[in-house]
């Protein structure tokens, strides 16, 4: 995952573009306007987008909702008041993968299942600034009632081994970029040329999007082989 972390903010953009994720883009646009936040920085750091990207890179397939933490799990910490902060993270092989809107992009943190389970239970029972910072790394905790949801995932194995090797993650990231380039060039789906989707690259221009994707592809290779 190390080769991906450096370019994760820009991979978030590609993920939104490749999957034509209009709902997510609209949500980012809405929050950037209503809260006076930078649209592109928010897009690169929004935790829900990062979680979708990480699940894609690790080849995690959703199974069902649970009432407890599983070994491969997406955890949502949501306040009952929509104006309070919320957070989403991926738990995978004793690691947390997450970002935090406007603060940081993808981070990898080692933590045991039992430790995370204990912190989540304590936080849901008695939310505190310390526990919030322990889980998010950010000091913007606000008092309120929080609900925690667990979504169990299955990891698709390749050759009967786990897909967490850097080479496979690299290949999936590369595939995401190349597929986006092909969609842009082949124009099989005209939506890939809509300004609403091209804007994720910073400029609603086909030429700018192509340059962005080719440059990101090169940076990915440099990070992986360095």
C-alpha atoms as a PDB file:
ATOM      1  CA  UNK A   1       0.000   0.000   0.000  1.00  0.00           C
ATOM      2  CA  UNK A   2       2.983   2.332   0.514  1.00  0.00           C
ATOM      3  CA  UNK A   3       3.329   3.045  -3.199  1.00  0.00           C
ATOM      4  CA  UNK A   4      -0.339   4.074  -3.300  1.00  0.00           C
ATOM      5  CA  UNK A   5      -0.501   6.307  -0.225  1.00  0.00           C
ATOM      6  CA  UNK A   6       1.413   9.141  -1.884  1.00  0.00           C
ATOM      7  CA  UNK A   7      -0.988   9.363  -4.817  1.00  0.00           C
ATOM      8  CA  UNK A   8      -4.204   8.331  -3.024  1.00  0.00           C
ATOM      9  CA  UNK A   9      -5.652  11.883  -3.153  1.00  0.00           C
ATOM     10  CA  UNK A  10      -5.500  11.835  -6.947  1.00  0.00           C
ATOM     11  CA  UNK A  11      -6.629   8.215  -7.154  1.00  0.00           C
ATOM     12  CA  UNK A  12      -9.772   9.338  -5.326  1.00  0.00           C
ATOM     13  CA  UNK A  13     -10.474  11.623  -8.272  1.00  0.00           C
ATOM     14  CA  UNK A  14      -9.950   8.802 -10.765  1.00  0.00           C
ATOM     15  CA  UNK A  15     -12.218   6.467  -8.799  1.00  0.00           C
ATOM     16  CA  UNK A  16     -15.041   9.019  -8.837  1.00  0.00           C
ATOM     17  CA  UNK A  17     -14.543   9.572 -12.551  1.00  0.00           C
ATOM     18  CA  UNK A  18     -14.254   5.929 -13.581  1.00  0.00           C
ATOM     19  CA  UNK A  19     -17.423   4.931 -11.751  1.00  0.00           C
ATOM     20  CA  UNK A  20     -19.255   8.118 -12.755  1.00  0.00           C
ATOM     21  CA  UNK A  21     -20.122   8.572  -9.090  1.00  0.00           C
ATOM     22  CA  UNK A  22     -22.512  11.485  -9.464  1.00  0.00           C
ATOM     23  CA  UNK A  23     -23.992  11.184  -5.956  1.00  0.00           C
ATOM     24  CA  UNK A  24     -20.585  11.403  -4.295  1.00  0.00           C
ATOM     25  CA  UNK A  25     -19.465  14.310  -6.488  1.00  0.00           C
ATOM     26  CA  UNK A  26     -22.721  16.163  -5.760  1.00  0.00           C
ATOM     27  CA  UNK A  27     -22.268  15.572  -2.015  1.00  0.00           C
ATOM     28  CA  UNK A  28     -18.718  16.938  -2.162  1.00  0.00           C
ATOM     29  CA  UNK A  29     -19.906  19.946  -4.145  1.00  0.00           C
ATOM     30  CA  UNK A  30     -22.750  20.587  -1.673  1.00  0.00           C
ATOM     31  CA  UNK A  31     -20.447  20.453   1.366  1.00  0.00           C
ATOM     32  CA  UNK A  32     -17.835  22.633  -0.296  1.00  0.00           C
ATOM     33  CA  UNK A  33     -20.443  25.312  -1.018  1.00  0.00           C
ATOM     34  CA  UNK A  34     -22.404  25.190   2.244  1.00  0.00           C
ATOM     35  CA  UNK A  35     -19.292  25.017   4.441  1.00  0.00           C
ATOM     36  CA  UNK A  36     -17.062  27.203   2.256  1.00  0.00           C
ATOM     37  CA  UNK A  37     -14.485  24.445   1.686  1.00  0.00           C
ATOM     38  CA  UNK A  38     -12.154  23.881  -1.252  1.00  0.00           C
ATOM     39  CA  UNK A  39     -13.921  21.439  -3.612  1.00  0.00           C
ATOM     40  CA  UNK A  40     -10.790  19.683  -4.858  1.00  0.00           C
ATOM     41  CA  UNK A  41      -9.132  19.360  -1.460  1.00  0.00           C
ATOM     42  CA  UNK A  42     -12.367  17.982  -0.026  1.00  0.00           C
ATOM     43  CA  UNK A  43     -12.623  15.469  -2.863  1.00  0.00           C
ATOM     44  CA  UNK A  44      -9.073  14.252  -2.224  1.00  0.00           C
ATOM     45  CA  UNK A  45      -9.616  13.782   1.526  1.00  0.00           C
ATOM     46  CA  UNK A  46     -13.299  12.814   1.982  1.00  0.00           C
ATOM     47  CA  UNK A  47     -13.324   9.606   4.037  1.00  0.00           C
ATOM     48  CA  UNK A  48     -16.259   7.945   2.250  1.00  0.00           C
ATOM     49  CA  UNK A  49     -14.492   8.320  -1.114  1.00  0.00           C
ATOM     50  CA  UNK A  50     -11.206   7.022   0.293  1.00  0.00           C
ATOM     51  CA  UNK A  51     -12.966   3.998   1.811  1.00  0.00           C
ATOM     52  CA  UNK A  52     -14.489   3.097  -1.587  1.00  0.00           C
ATOM     53  CA  UNK A  53     -11.063   3.401  -3.195  1.00  0.00           C
ATOM     54  CA  UNK A  54      -9.378   1.236  -0.530  1.00  0.00           C
ATOM     55  CA  UNK A  55     -12.038  -1.475  -0.846  1.00  0.00           C
ATOM     56  CA  UNK A  56     -11.436  -1.492  -4.593  1.00  0.00           C
ATOM     57  CA  UNK A  57      -7.640  -1.712  -4.221  1.00  0.00           C
ATOM     58  CA  UNK A  58      -7.865  -4.528  -1.659  1.00  0.00           C
ATOM     59  CA  UNK A  59     -10.539  -6.311  -3.707  1.00  0.00           C
ATOM     60  CA  UNK A  60     -13.013  -6.277  -0.835  1.00  0.00           C
ATOM     61  CA  UNK A  61     -16.582  -7.289  -1.730  1.00  0.00           C
ATOM     62  CA  UNK A  62     -19.505  -6.287   0.490  1.00  0.00           C
ATOM     63  CA  UNK A  63     -21.308  -9.168   2.233  1.00  0.00           C
ATOM     64  CA  UNK A  64     -23.767  -7.820   4.799  1.00  0.00           C
ATOM     65  CA  UNK A  65     -24.365  -5.545   7.746  1.00  0.00           C
ATOM     66  CA  UNK A  66     -23.230  -6.775  11.159  1.00  0.00           C
ATOM     67  CA  UNK A  67     -23.597  -5.714  14.790  1.00  0.00           C
ATOM     68  CA  UNK A  68     -19.915  -6.261  15.550  1.00  0.00           C
ATOM     69  CA  UNK A  69     -16.448  -5.666  14.113  1.00  0.00           C
ATOM     70  CA  UNK A  70     -15.259  -8.320  11.646  1.00  0.00           C
ATOM     71  CA  UNK A  71     -11.770  -9.004  10.312  1.00  0.00           C
ATOM     72  CA  UNK A  72     -12.580  -7.278   7.008  1.00  0.00           C
ATOM     73  CA  UNK A  73     -14.940  -4.473   7.743  1.00  0.00           C
ATOM     74  CA  UNK A  74     -16.047  -0.943   6.925  1.00  0.00           C
ATOM     75  CA  UNK A  75     -16.946   0.988  10.070  1.00  0.00           C
ATOM     76  CA  UNK A  76     -19.194   4.040  10.029  1.00  0.00           C
ATOM     77  CA  UNK A  77     -19.267   6.390  13.024  1.00  0.00           C
ATOM     78  CA  UNK A  78     -22.269   8.642  12.477  1.00  0.00           C
ATOM     79  CA  UNK A  79     -23.686  11.341  14.717  1.00  0.00           C
ATOM     80  CA  UNK A  80     -27.448  11.488  15.164  1.00  0.00           C
ATOM     81  CA  UNK A  81     -27.132  15.220  14.443  1.00  0.00           C
ATOM     82  CA  UNK A  82     -26.076  15.603  10.787  1.00  0.00           C
ATOM     83  CA  UNK A  83     -24.225  18.829  11.624  1.00  0.00           C
ATOM     84  CA  UNK A  84     -21.713  16.942  13.793  1.00  0.00           C
ATOM     85  CA  UNK A  85     -18.606  15.238  12.369  1.00  0.00           C
ATOM     86  CA  UNK A  86     -18.808  11.630  11.200  1.00  0.00           C
ATOM     87  CA  UNK A  87     -16.141   9.188  10.100  1.00  0.00           C
ATOM     88  CA  UNK A  88     -15.740   6.046   7.983  1.00  0.00           C
ATOM     89  CA  UNK A  89     -12.794   3.657   7.988  1.00  0.00           C
ATOM     90  CA  UNK A  90     -11.663   0.308   6.606  1.00  0.00           C
ATOM     91  CA  UNK A  91     -10.428  -2.391   8.979  1.00  0.00           C
ATOM     92  CA  UNK A  92      -8.253  -4.964   7.188  1.00  0.00           C
ATOM     93  CA  UNK A  93      -5.736  -7.418   8.636  1.00  0.00           C
ATOM     94  CA  UNK A  94      -5.181  -5.460  11.866  1.00  0.00           C
ATOM     95  CA  UNK A  95      -4.861  -2.151  10.074  1.00  0.00           C
ATOM     96  CA  UNK A  96      -7.062   0.888   9.679  1.00  0.00           C
ATOM     97  CA  UNK A  97      -7.157   2.669   6.325  1.00  0.00           C
ATOM     98  CA  UNK A  98      -8.873   6.033   6.259  1.00  0.00           C
ATOM     99  CA  UNK A  99      -8.732   9.740   5.480  1.00  0.00           C
ATOM    100  CA  UNK A 100     -10.339  12.744   7.147  1.00  0.00           C
ATOM    101  CA  UNK A 101     -12.034  15.472   5.131  1.00  0.00           C
ATOM    102  CA  UNK A 102      -9.888  18.615   4.779  1.00  0.00           C
ATOM    103  CA  UNK A 103      -7.250  17.237   7.197  1.00  0.00           C
ATOM    104  CA  UNK A 104      -5.390  14.349   5.561  1.00  0.00           C
ATOM    105  CA  UNK A 105      -5.595  11.803   2.778  1.00  0.00           C
ATOM    106  CA  UNK A 106      -5.044   8.050   3.048  1.00  0.00           C
ATOM    107  CA  UNK A 107      -3.352   6.814   6.221  1.00  0.00           C
ATOM    108  CA  UNK A 108      -2.469   3.289   7.329  1.00  0.00           C
ATOM    109  CA  UNK A 109      -2.495   2.596  11.089  1.00  0.00           C
ATOM    110  CA  UNK A 110      -1.679  -0.708  12.798  1.00  0.00           C
ATOM    111  CA  UNK A 111      -4.200  -1.690  15.456  1.00  0.00           C
ATOM    112  CA  UNK A 112      -5.456  -5.031  16.750  1.00  0.00           C
ATOM    113  CA  UNK A 113      -9.055  -6.083  16.286  1.00  0.00           C
ATOM    114  CA  UNK A 114      -9.581  -6.273  20.045  1.00  0.00           C
ATOM    115  CA  UNK A 115      -8.160  -2.791  20.637  1.00  0.00           C
ATOM    116  CA  UNK A 116     -10.311  -1.208  17.939  1.00  0.00           C
ATOM    117  CA  UNK A 117     -13.385  -3.107  19.130  1.00  0.00           C
ATOM    118  CA  UNK A 118     -12.823  -1.808  22.667  1.00  0.00           C
ATOM    119  CA  UNK A 119     -12.370   1.810  21.537  1.00  0.00           C
ATOM    120  CA  UNK A 120     -15.487   1.705  19.368  1.00  0.00           C
ATOM    121  CA  UNK A 121     -17.584   0.231  22.169  1.00  0.00           C
ATOM    122  CA  UNK A 122     -16.327   2.834  24.647  1.00  0.00           C
ATOM    123  CA  UNK A 123     -16.955   5.645  22.193  1.00  0.00           C
ATOM    124  CA  UNK A 124     -20.510   4.560  21.405  1.00  0.00           C
ATOM    125  CA  UNK A 125     -21.271   4.278  25.127  1.00  0.00           C
ATOM    126  CA  UNK A 126     -19.535   7.461  26.205  1.00  0.00           C
ATOM    127  CA  UNK A 127     -18.174   9.612  23.343  1.00  0.00           C
ATOM    128  CA  UNK A 128     -15.093  11.613  24.265  1.00  0.00           C
ATOM    129  CA  UNK A 129     -12.557  13.886  22.615  1.00  0.00           C
ATOM    130  CA  UNK A 130      -9.710  11.506  23.486  1.00  0.00           C
ATOM    131  CA  UNK A 131     -11.356   8.466  21.909  1.00  0.00           C
ATOM    132  CA  UNK A 132     -12.338  10.489  18.831  1.00  0.00           C
ATOM    133  CA  UNK A 133      -8.747  11.596  18.365  1.00  0.00           C
ATOM    134  CA  UNK A 134      -7.474   8.053  18.971  1.00  0.00           C
ATOM    135  CA  UNK A 135      -9.621   6.791  16.095  1.00  0.00           C
ATOM    136  CA  UNK A 136      -9.426   9.738  13.705  1.00  0.00           C
ATOM    137  CA  UNK A 137      -6.277  11.649  14.619  1.00  0.00           C
ATOM    138  CA  UNK A 138      -8.283  14.877  14.572  1.00  0.00           C
ATOM    139  CA  UNK A 139      -9.367  17.209  17.385  1.00  0.00           C
ATOM    140  CA  UNK A 140     -12.728  18.345  15.974  1.00  0.00           C
ATOM    141  CA  UNK A 141     -14.868  16.223  18.324  1.00  0.00           C
ATOM    142  CA  UNK A 142     -18.247  17.620  19.302  1.00  0.00           C
ATOM    143  CA  UNK A 143     -20.525  16.246  21.996  1.00  0.00           C
ATOM    144  CA  UNK A 144     -23.549  14.323  20.836  1.00  0.00           C
ATOM    145  CA  UNK A 145     -24.981  10.861  20.315  1.00  0.00           C
ATOM    146  CA  UNK A 146     -23.077   8.635  17.885  1.00  0.00           C
ATOM    147  CA  UNK A 147     -24.123   5.394  16.229  1.00  0.00           C
ATOM    148  CA  UNK A 148     -21.602   2.871  14.950  1.00  0.00           C
ATOM    149  CA  UNK A 149     -22.380   0.545  12.025  1.00  0.00           C
ATOM    150  CA  UNK A 150     -20.352  -2.425  10.806  1.00  0.00           C
ATOM    151  CA  UNK A 151     -20.333  -3.698   7.230  1.00  0.00           C
ATOM    152  CA  UNK A 152     -18.649  -7.055   6.676  1.00  0.00           C
ATOM    153  CA  UNK A 153     -16.586  -7.586   3.525  1.00  0.00           C
ATOM    154  CA  UNK A 154     -15.052 -10.587   1.857  1.00  0.00           C
ATOM    155  CA  UNK A 155     -11.562 -10.418   0.382  1.00  0.00           C
ATOM    156  CA  UNK A 156     -11.297 -11.980  -3.051  1.00  0.00           C
ATOM    157  CA  UNK A 157      -8.184 -14.129  -3.087  1.00  0.00           C
ATOM    158  CA  UNK A 158      -5.787 -14.422  -5.987  1.00  0.00           C
ATOM    159  CA  UNK A 159      -4.041 -17.777  -6.403  1.00  0.00           C
ATOM    160  CA  UNK A 160      -5.289 -18.702  -2.908  1.00  0.00           C
ATOM    161  CA  UNK A 161      -3.292 -15.937  -1.236  1.00  0.00           C
ATOM    162  CA  UNK A 162      -4.378 -12.609   0.226  1.00  0.00           C
ATOM    163  CA  UNK A 163      -4.377  -9.675  -2.130  1.00  0.00           C
ATOM    164  CA  UNK A 164      -2.493  -7.310   0.154  1.00  0.00           C
ATOM    165  CA  UNK A 165       0.798  -7.673  -1.737  1.00  0.00           C
ATOM    166  CA  UNK A 166       1.981  -4.360  -3.105  1.00  0.00           C
ATOM    167  CA  UNK A 167       2.242  -5.762  -6.624  1.00  0.00           C
ATOM    168  CA  UNK A 168      -1.458  -6.648  -6.818  1.00  0.00           C
ATOM    169  CA  UNK A 169      -2.565  -3.342  -5.281  1.00  0.00           C
ATOM    170  CA  UNK A 170      -0.317  -1.591  -7.796  1.00  0.00           C
ATOM    171  CA  UNK A 171      -1.902  -3.529 -10.681  1.00  0.00           C
ATOM    172  CA  UNK A 172      -5.422  -2.620  -9.543  1.00  0.00           C
ATOM    173  CA  UNK A 173      -4.502   1.046  -9.228  1.00  0.00           C
ATOM    174  CA  UNK A 174      -2.878   0.971 -12.670  1.00  0.00           C
ATOM    175  CA  UNK A 175      -5.946  -0.727 -14.122  1.00  0.00           C
ATOM    176  CA  UNK A 176      -8.188   1.989 -12.656  1.00  0.00           C
ATOM    177  CA  UNK A 177      -6.130   4.698 -14.369  1.00  0.00           C
ATOM    178  CA  UNK A 178      -5.840   2.854 -17.695  1.00  0.00           C
ATOM    179  CA  UNK A 179      -9.562   2.063 -17.805  1.00  0.00           C
ATOM    180  CA  UNK A 180     -10.335   5.725 -17.176  1.00  0.00           C
ATOM    181  CA  UNK A 181      -8.001   6.732 -20.012  1.00  0.00           C
ATOM    182  CA  UNK A 182      -9.705   4.264 -22.332  1.00  0.00           C
ATOM    183  CA  UNK A 183     -13.151   5.548 -21.361  1.00  0.00           C
ATOM    184  CA  UNK A 184     -11.994   9.085 -22.049  1.00  0.00           C
ATOM    185  CA  UNK A 185     -10.496   8.242 -25.458  1.00  0.00           C
ATOM    186  CA  UNK A 186     -12.992   5.739 -26.812  1.00  0.00           C
ATOM    187  CA  UNK A 187     -16.013   7.872 -25.927  1.00  0.00           C
ATOM    188  CA  UNK A 188     -18.263   4.797 -25.735  1.00  0.00           C
ATOM    189  CA  UNK A 189     -20.191   6.501 -22.952  1.00  0.00           C
ATOM    190  CA  UNK A 190     -20.706  10.205 -23.559  1.00  0.00           C
ATOM    191  CA  UNK A 191     -21.019  10.834 -19.820  1.00  0.00           C
ATOM    192  CA  UNK A 192     -17.232  10.575 -19.549  1.00  0.00           C
ATOM    193  CA  UNK A 193     -17.063  13.867 -21.439  1.00  0.00           C
ATOM    194  CA  UNK A 194     -19.599  15.682 -19.265  1.00  0.00           C
ATOM    195  CA  UNK A 195     -18.226  18.707 -17.436  1.00  0.00           C
ATOM    196  CA  UNK A 196     -19.764  17.389 -14.206  1.00  0.00           C
ATOM    197  CA  UNK A 197     -17.366  14.414 -14.313  1.00  0.00           C
ATOM    198  CA  UNK A 198     -14.353  15.980 -16.027  1.00  0.00           C
ATOM    199  CA  UNK A 199     -14.323  18.620 -13.296  1.00  0.00           C
ATOM    200  CA  UNK A 200     -12.846  16.102 -10.848  1.00  0.00           C
ATOM    201  CA  UNK A 201      -9.519  16.599 -12.618  1.00  0.00           C
ATOM    202  CA  UNK A 202      -9.570  20.323 -11.925  1.00  0.00           C
ATOM    203  CA  UNK A 203     -10.655  21.454 -15.373  1.00  0.00           C
ATOM    204  CA  UNK A 204     -13.660  20.318 -17.478  1.00  0.00           C
ATOM    205  CA  UNK A 205     -11.427  19.579 -20.476  1.00  0.00           C
ATOM    206  CA  UNK A 206     -10.778  16.245 -22.187  1.00  0.00           C
ATOM    207  CA  UNK A 207      -7.181  17.249 -22.906  1.00  0.00           C
ATOM    208  CA  UNK A 208      -6.542  18.243 -19.283  1.00  0.00           C
ATOM    209  CA  UNK A 209      -8.089  14.995 -18.031  1.00  0.00           C
ATOM    210  CA  UNK A 210      -5.899  12.934 -20.349  1.00  0.00           C
ATOM    211  CA  UNK A 211      -2.791  14.779 -19.196  1.00  0.00           C
ATOM    212  CA  UNK A 212      -3.791  14.290 -15.547  1.00  0.00           C
ATOM    213  CA  UNK A 213      -4.303  10.528 -15.990  1.00  0.00           C
ATOM    214  CA  UNK A 214      -1.060   9.976 -17.920  1.00  0.00           C
ATOM    215  CA  UNK A 215       0.897  11.975 -15.349  1.00  0.00           C
ATOM    216  CA  UNK A 216      -0.683  10.021 -12.477  1.00  0.00           C
ATOM    217  CA  UNK A 217       0.131   6.732 -14.226  1.00  0.00           C
ATOM    218  CA  UNK A 218       3.765   7.786 -14.438  1.00  0.00           C
ATOM    219  CA  UNK A 219       3.851   8.855 -10.778  1.00  0.00           C
ATOM    220  CA  UNK A 220       2.338   5.525  -9.753  1.00  0.00           C
ATOM    221  CA  UNK A 221       5.077   3.643 -11.584  1.00  0.00           C
ATOM    222  CA  UNK A 222       7.791   5.843 -10.087  1.00  0.00           C
ATOM    223  CA  UNK A 223       6.460   5.310  -6.541  1.00  0.00           C
ATOM    224  CA  UNK A 224       6.176   1.569  -7.027  1.00  0.00           C
ATOM    225  CA  UNK A 225       9.578   0.999  -8.560  1.00  0.00           C
ATOM    226  CA  UNK A 226      11.497   3.511  -6.406  1.00  0.00           C
END
